[in-house]
Protein backbone atom coordinates (compact mmCIF):
# COMPACT_ATOMS: atom_id res chain seq x y z
CA MET A 1 1.79 -103.75 -60.11
CA SER A 2 -1.38 -102.24 -61.56
CA GLU A 3 -1.80 -98.48 -61.83
CA PRO A 4 -4.09 -96.69 -59.35
CA THR A 5 -7.66 -96.28 -60.54
CA GLY A 6 -7.91 -93.48 -63.09
CA ALA A 7 -4.15 -92.90 -63.41
CA ALA A 8 -3.99 -94.12 -67.02
CA ARG A 9 -6.55 -91.46 -67.96
CA ARG A 10 -4.27 -88.69 -66.72
CA ARG A 11 -1.17 -89.24 -68.88
CA GLY A 12 -0.01 -90.16 -72.39
CA PRO A 13 -1.42 -89.16 -75.79
CA PHE A 14 -5.11 -88.36 -76.10
CA LYS A 15 -7.30 -91.46 -76.55
CA VAL A 16 -10.90 -92.08 -77.51
CA GLY A 17 -13.03 -91.56 -74.39
CA ASP A 18 -10.64 -89.01 -72.85
CA GLN A 19 -12.00 -85.72 -71.66
CA VAL A 20 -10.37 -82.69 -73.29
CA GLN A 21 -10.39 -79.12 -72.07
CA LEU A 22 -9.90 -76.51 -74.76
CA THR A 23 -8.75 -72.99 -73.88
CA ASP A 24 -9.46 -70.21 -76.35
CA PRO A 25 -7.39 -67.02 -76.80
CA LYS A 26 -9.52 -65.24 -74.16
CA GLY A 27 -8.92 -67.96 -71.56
CA ARG A 28 -12.40 -69.50 -71.80
CA HIS A 29 -12.70 -73.26 -71.31
CA TYR A 30 -14.66 -75.84 -73.31
CA THR A 31 -14.78 -79.48 -72.18
CA PHE A 32 -15.82 -82.47 -74.28
CA THR A 33 -15.18 -86.21 -74.67
CA LEU A 34 -13.13 -87.49 -77.60
CA GLU A 35 -15.05 -89.65 -80.09
CA ALA A 36 -13.69 -90.98 -83.36
CA GLY A 37 -15.29 -89.38 -86.41
CA LYS A 38 -16.94 -86.54 -84.47
CA ASN A 39 -16.37 -82.79 -84.86
CA PHE A 40 -16.10 -80.10 -82.19
CA HIS A 41 -18.11 -77.00 -83.10
CA THR A 42 -17.83 -73.44 -81.81
CA HIS A 43 -18.98 -70.07 -83.13
CA LYS A 44 -15.37 -69.72 -84.30
CA GLY A 45 -15.49 -72.80 -86.53
CA SER A 46 -14.92 -76.51 -85.98
CA PHE A 47 -12.26 -79.22 -86.08
CA PRO A 48 -12.37 -83.05 -86.12
CA HIS A 49 -11.81 -85.00 -82.90
CA ASP A 50 -9.50 -87.27 -84.91
CA GLU A 51 -7.02 -84.38 -85.06
CA LEU A 52 -6.47 -84.77 -81.30
CA ILE A 53 -6.69 -88.57 -80.99
CA GLY A 54 -3.10 -89.79 -80.64
CA ALA A 55 -1.74 -86.26 -80.18
CA PRO A 56 0.23 -85.36 -77.04
CA GLU A 57 -1.41 -83.38 -74.27
CA GLY A 58 -0.61 -79.70 -74.61
CA SER A 59 -1.23 -79.66 -78.37
CA VAL A 60 -2.76 -76.70 -80.19
CA VAL A 61 -5.56 -77.17 -82.72
CA ARG A 62 -7.04 -74.67 -85.14
CA THR A 63 -10.66 -74.44 -86.16
CA THR A 64 -11.92 -73.83 -89.68
CA GLY A 65 -12.09 -70.18 -88.61
CA ASN A 66 -8.32 -70.23 -87.93
CA VAL A 67 -8.74 -69.78 -84.15
CA ALA A 68 -6.15 -71.61 -82.01
CA TYR A 69 -7.22 -73.67 -78.99
CA LEU A 70 -4.90 -75.22 -76.42
CA ALA A 71 -5.88 -78.84 -75.66
CA LEU A 72 -5.23 -80.33 -72.20
CA ARG A 73 -6.92 -82.86 -69.99
CA PRO A 74 -9.03 -81.06 -67.36
CA LEU A 75 -7.58 -81.07 -63.87
CA LEU A 76 -9.84 -82.32 -61.09
CA PRO A 77 -10.62 -78.72 -59.99
CA ASP A 78 -11.64 -77.94 -63.58
CA TYR A 79 -13.69 -81.12 -63.82
CA VAL A 80 -15.76 -80.57 -60.67
CA LEU A 81 -16.65 -77.03 -61.71
CA SER A 82 -17.90 -78.13 -65.14
CA MET A 83 -19.57 -81.47 -64.32
CA PRO A 84 -23.38 -81.90 -64.13
CA ARG A 85 -24.82 -80.81 -60.79
CA GLY A 86 -27.67 -81.98 -58.63
CA ALA A 87 -26.59 -80.00 -55.59
CA ALA A 88 -23.98 -77.29 -55.17
CA VAL A 89 -20.43 -78.62 -55.35
CA VAL A 90 -17.68 -78.30 -52.75
CA TYR A 91 -15.37 -75.78 -54.40
CA PRO A 92 -11.75 -76.82 -55.06
CA LYS A 93 -10.43 -74.27 -52.55
CA ASP A 94 -12.48 -75.90 -49.79
CA ALA A 95 -11.74 -79.44 -50.96
CA GLY A 96 -8.02 -78.65 -50.80
CA GLN A 97 -8.42 -77.31 -47.25
CA ILE A 98 -10.32 -80.45 -46.24
CA LEU A 99 -7.65 -82.75 -47.68
CA ALA A 100 -4.94 -80.82 -45.83
CA PHE A 101 -6.48 -79.98 -42.47
CA ALA A 102 -8.53 -83.16 -42.11
CA ASP A 103 -5.24 -84.92 -42.91
CA ILE A 104 -6.64 -87.29 -45.54
CA PHE A 105 -3.95 -89.90 -46.19
CA ALA A 106 -3.47 -92.87 -48.52
CA GLY A 107 -5.31 -95.90 -47.12
CA ALA A 108 -7.50 -93.83 -44.77
CA ARG A 109 -10.94 -95.05 -43.76
CA VAL A 110 -13.26 -92.09 -44.35
CA VAL A 111 -16.99 -91.53 -43.88
CA GLU A 112 -18.63 -88.70 -45.82
CA ALA A 113 -22.20 -87.45 -45.41
CA GLY A 114 -23.84 -85.13 -47.92
CA VAL A 115 -22.46 -86.29 -51.28
CA GLY A 116 -24.22 -83.65 -53.35
CA SER A 117 -22.83 -83.85 -56.89
CA GLY A 118 -19.75 -85.91 -56.00
CA SER A 119 -17.11 -83.17 -56.04
CA LEU A 120 -15.60 -83.88 -52.62
CA SER A 121 -16.00 -87.64 -53.14
CA ALA A 122 -13.68 -87.48 -56.15
CA PHE A 123 -11.06 -85.50 -54.22
CA LEU A 124 -11.26 -87.90 -51.25
CA LEU A 125 -11.03 -91.02 -53.41
CA ARG A 126 -7.96 -89.75 -55.21
CA ALA A 127 -6.32 -89.00 -51.85
CA ILE A 128 -7.09 -92.30 -50.09
CA GLY A 129 -6.26 -94.45 -53.13
CA ASP A 130 -7.48 -97.92 -54.04
CA HIS A 131 -6.62 -99.40 -50.64
CA GLY A 132 -8.50 -96.86 -48.53
CA MET A 133 -12.22 -96.79 -47.80
CA LEU A 134 -14.73 -94.03 -48.49
CA HIS A 135 -18.30 -94.68 -47.37
CA SER A 136 -20.53 -91.86 -48.59
CA TYR A 137 -24.06 -91.22 -47.37
CA GLU A 138 -26.61 -89.15 -49.30
CA ARG A 139 -30.25 -88.62 -48.33
CA ARG A 140 -31.54 -87.97 -51.86
CA GLN A 141 -31.58 -90.70 -54.49
CA ASP A 142 -31.38 -88.21 -57.38
CA PHE A 143 -28.29 -86.54 -55.94
CA ALA A 144 -26.67 -89.93 -55.31
CA GLU A 145 -27.22 -90.96 -58.94
CA ILE A 146 -25.68 -87.74 -60.30
CA ALA A 147 -22.72 -88.07 -57.91
CA GLN A 148 -22.11 -91.67 -58.94
CA GLN A 149 -22.13 -90.75 -62.62
CA ASN A 150 -19.74 -87.84 -62.06
CA VAL A 151 -17.27 -89.85 -59.99
CA GLU A 152 -17.28 -92.82 -62.35
CA ARG A 153 -16.86 -90.54 -65.37
CA TYR A 154 -13.79 -88.99 -63.78
CA PHE A 155 -12.14 -92.29 -62.80
CA GLY A 156 -13.25 -94.16 -65.92
CA GLY A 157 -15.46 -96.61 -64.00
CA PRO A 158 -16.37 -97.69 -60.44
CA HIS A 159 -13.75 -96.92 -57.79
CA PRO A 160 -12.79 -99.96 -55.65
CA ALA A 161 -12.58 -97.90 -52.45
CA TRP A 162 -16.03 -96.29 -52.74
CA GLN A 163 -19.33 -97.32 -51.19
CA LEU A 164 -22.38 -95.10 -51.64
CA THR A 165 -25.44 -95.45 -49.39
CA VAL A 166 -28.73 -93.60 -49.86
CA GLY A 167 -30.15 -92.63 -46.48
CA ASP A 168 -29.49 -90.63 -43.32
CA LEU A 169 -26.06 -91.05 -41.76
CA GLN A 170 -27.35 -91.28 -38.19
CA ASP A 171 -29.81 -94.04 -39.16
CA ASN A 172 -27.49 -96.11 -41.35
CA LEU A 173 -23.96 -95.65 -40.01
CA ASN A 174 -22.46 -99.02 -39.13
CA ASP A 175 -18.80 -98.32 -39.88
CA ALA A 176 -16.27 -98.73 -37.07
CA ASP A 177 -12.64 -97.66 -36.59
CA VAL A 178 -13.07 -94.75 -38.98
CA ASP A 179 -10.08 -92.39 -39.34
CA ARG A 180 -11.91 -89.34 -40.68
CA VAL A 181 -15.52 -88.12 -40.91
CA ILE A 182 -16.54 -85.31 -43.29
CA LEU A 183 -20.02 -83.79 -42.79
CA ASP A 184 -21.36 -81.53 -45.56
CA MET A 185 -24.96 -81.00 -44.49
CA LEU A 186 -27.42 -78.49 -43.07
CA ALA A 187 -27.35 -79.81 -39.49
CA PRO A 188 -24.09 -81.68 -38.76
CA TRP A 189 -24.77 -81.45 -35.00
CA GLU A 190 -27.50 -84.07 -35.46
CA CYS A 191 -24.82 -86.65 -36.39
CA LEU A 192 -22.24 -85.97 -33.69
CA GLU A 193 -23.24 -88.82 -31.40
CA ALA A 194 -23.22 -91.36 -34.24
CA VAL A 195 -19.88 -90.28 -35.71
CA SER A 196 -18.19 -90.04 -32.29
CA LYS A 197 -18.85 -93.76 -31.84
CA ALA A 198 -17.38 -94.56 -35.26
CA LEU A 199 -14.22 -92.43 -35.04
CA VAL A 200 -10.98 -93.87 -33.66
CA PRO A 201 -9.23 -91.95 -30.85
CA GLY A 202 -7.27 -89.16 -32.52
CA GLY A 203 -9.54 -89.31 -35.58
CA ILE A 204 -10.69 -86.07 -37.19
CA LEU A 205 -14.19 -84.72 -37.65
CA CYS A 206 -14.52 -82.06 -40.36
CA CYS A 207 -17.77 -80.13 -40.90
CA TYR A 208 -18.56 -77.90 -43.88
CA VAL A 209 -21.35 -75.37 -43.33
CA ALA A 210 -22.53 -72.29 -45.19
CA THR A 211 -23.82 -69.77 -42.62
CA THR A 212 -22.66 -68.17 -39.38
CA THR A 213 -25.64 -69.59 -37.48
CA GLN A 214 -24.73 -73.11 -38.62
CA LEU A 215 -21.11 -72.44 -37.72
CA ALA A 216 -21.98 -71.28 -34.19
CA ARG A 217 -24.25 -74.22 -33.48
CA THR A 218 -21.77 -76.73 -34.90
CA VAL A 219 -18.87 -75.44 -32.78
CA GLU A 220 -20.94 -75.23 -29.58
CA SER A 221 -22.40 -78.71 -30.14
CA ILE A 222 -18.93 -80.22 -30.64
CA ARG A 223 -17.84 -78.62 -27.36
CA GLU A 224 -20.89 -79.85 -25.50
CA ILE A 225 -20.75 -83.49 -26.60
CA GLY A 226 -17.54 -83.73 -24.59
CA CYS A 227 -15.53 -86.30 -26.56
CA PHE A 228 -13.66 -83.95 -28.90
CA ALA A 229 -10.76 -81.57 -28.40
CA GLU A 230 -11.37 -77.88 -29.01
CA PRO A 231 -12.90 -77.38 -32.49
CA GLN A 232 -11.10 -75.13 -34.98
CA PRO A 233 -13.33 -73.04 -37.30
CA TRP A 234 -12.12 -71.02 -40.32
CA GLU A 235 -12.81 -70.02 -43.91
CA SER A 236 -10.53 -69.38 -46.87
CA MET A 237 -10.65 -66.94 -49.76
CA ILE A 238 -8.70 -66.85 -53.03
CA ARG A 239 -7.63 -63.73 -54.89
CA ASN A 240 -5.80 -64.00 -58.20
CA TRP A 241 -3.34 -61.40 -59.41
CA HIS A 242 -2.97 -59.67 -62.74
CA VAL A 243 0.69 -59.64 -63.84
CA GLU A 244 1.59 -57.99 -67.15
CA GLY A 245 4.74 -55.93 -67.45
CA LEU A 246 4.67 -53.20 -64.82
CA ALA A 247 0.93 -53.71 -64.24
CA VAL A 248 0.98 -55.94 -61.17
CA ARG A 249 -2.22 -55.72 -59.12
CA PRO A 250 -4.94 -57.86 -57.54
CA ASP A 251 -7.70 -59.04 -59.85
CA HIS A 252 -10.97 -57.18 -59.54
CA ARG A 253 -12.78 -60.46 -58.84
CA MET A 254 -12.04 -63.11 -56.23
CA ILE A 255 -13.46 -66.36 -54.88
CA GLY A 256 -14.80 -65.14 -51.56
CA HIS A 257 -17.02 -66.91 -49.05
CA THR A 258 -18.18 -70.37 -50.09
CA GLY A 259 -18.40 -72.06 -46.69
CA PHE A 260 -16.98 -72.45 -43.20
CA LEU A 261 -14.88 -75.43 -42.11
CA VAL A 262 -14.62 -76.84 -38.60
CA THR A 263 -12.24 -79.62 -37.52
CA ALA A 264 -12.00 -81.40 -34.16
CA ARG A 265 -9.97 -84.39 -32.87
CA ARG A 266 -11.65 -87.37 -31.20
CA LEU A 267 -10.50 -87.96 -27.64
CA ALA A 268 -9.92 -91.37 -26.07
CA ASP A 269 -12.97 -92.95 -24.44
CA GLY A 270 -13.60 -91.69 -20.93
CA VAL A 271 -11.33 -88.67 -21.30
CA GLU A 272 -12.68 -85.19 -20.65
CA PRO A 273 -11.32 -82.35 -22.79
CA PRO A 274 -8.94 -80.03 -20.93
CA MET A 275 -10.54 -76.80 -19.79
CA ARG A 276 -10.00 -74.17 -22.48
CA ARG A 277 -9.19 -70.72 -21.18
CA ARG A 278 -11.18 -68.12 -23.07
CA ARG A 279 -11.89 -64.45 -22.66
CA PRO A 280 -15.25 -64.06 -24.44
CA ALA A 281 -16.78 -60.68 -25.07
CA LYS A 282 -19.28 -59.42 -22.51
CA GLY A 283 -22.71 -60.86 -23.20
CA ALA A 284 -21.39 -63.75 -25.32
CA TYR A 285 -23.01 -66.19 -22.89
CA GLY A 286 -25.49 -63.82 -21.26
CA ASP A 287 -29.17 -64.29 -20.54
CA ASP A 288 -30.05 -63.77 -24.19
CA TYR A 289 -27.70 -66.57 -25.38
CA ASP A 290 -29.60 -69.32 -27.18
CA GLY A 291 -27.05 -72.14 -27.40
CA PRO A 292 -27.67 -75.61 -28.86
CA ASN A 293 -29.02 -77.02 -25.61
CA LYS A 294 -30.99 -73.98 -24.47
CA GLY A 295 -34.82 -74.11 -24.36
């Protein structure tokens, strides 16, 4: 049985063509690709690539300036933060939330719109495996080319489960019986009718938006289309901790707001969503409310 795509690049001794992430004594990262006969240069000296080729992951190398660097393969979260960008990337904290709360499983049939630089595509492909299906749609040709290069560099070549289409989702979507739809775009509400026809009953729609106005319109539009259960909006934040002896405290910096996520389940055809009992604040739907279908 053959290994899953990209698995061989994630284990064993370092080989020519592998990506290496060096960590210096201050915790800074440097990523490069191993090439026979080449040297890695820093302001703290250099060392030959050949010193790492054939060495086990987790080795330590020293430069000509006698500075030690820890050598590991970059994890996917490291890779997506250092890879070339056309558009902003989906941060690992949000990609992890999407994989969990959109319930991305091995073999899933997934549609993604708004590929950007390919960050989320790589996470989705690794989750669905070689026998799933990821059909990604990107409006801009230049973004699609950067995303394709980034994804293929990570997996070591084309991924058998990936199809990339340049164009608008609502104009080109012809997939059926889709398990999950991920929308990372400025106006996901424009695609709701198209994706509702593609999703299987019980399938999950997940939208990633940046602002509160986008969030409000996305949630209200999902409610109004009438074929989804109650949407669930949220955001996540990450705060690291400093732990050294008795000095245990939160870090002064954190990864705060990057985007909002909204998930909703597709209902069976012809079924109306149950009435949701809410107690909105006074004026939430008053005369000054400008919802998605108001004038």
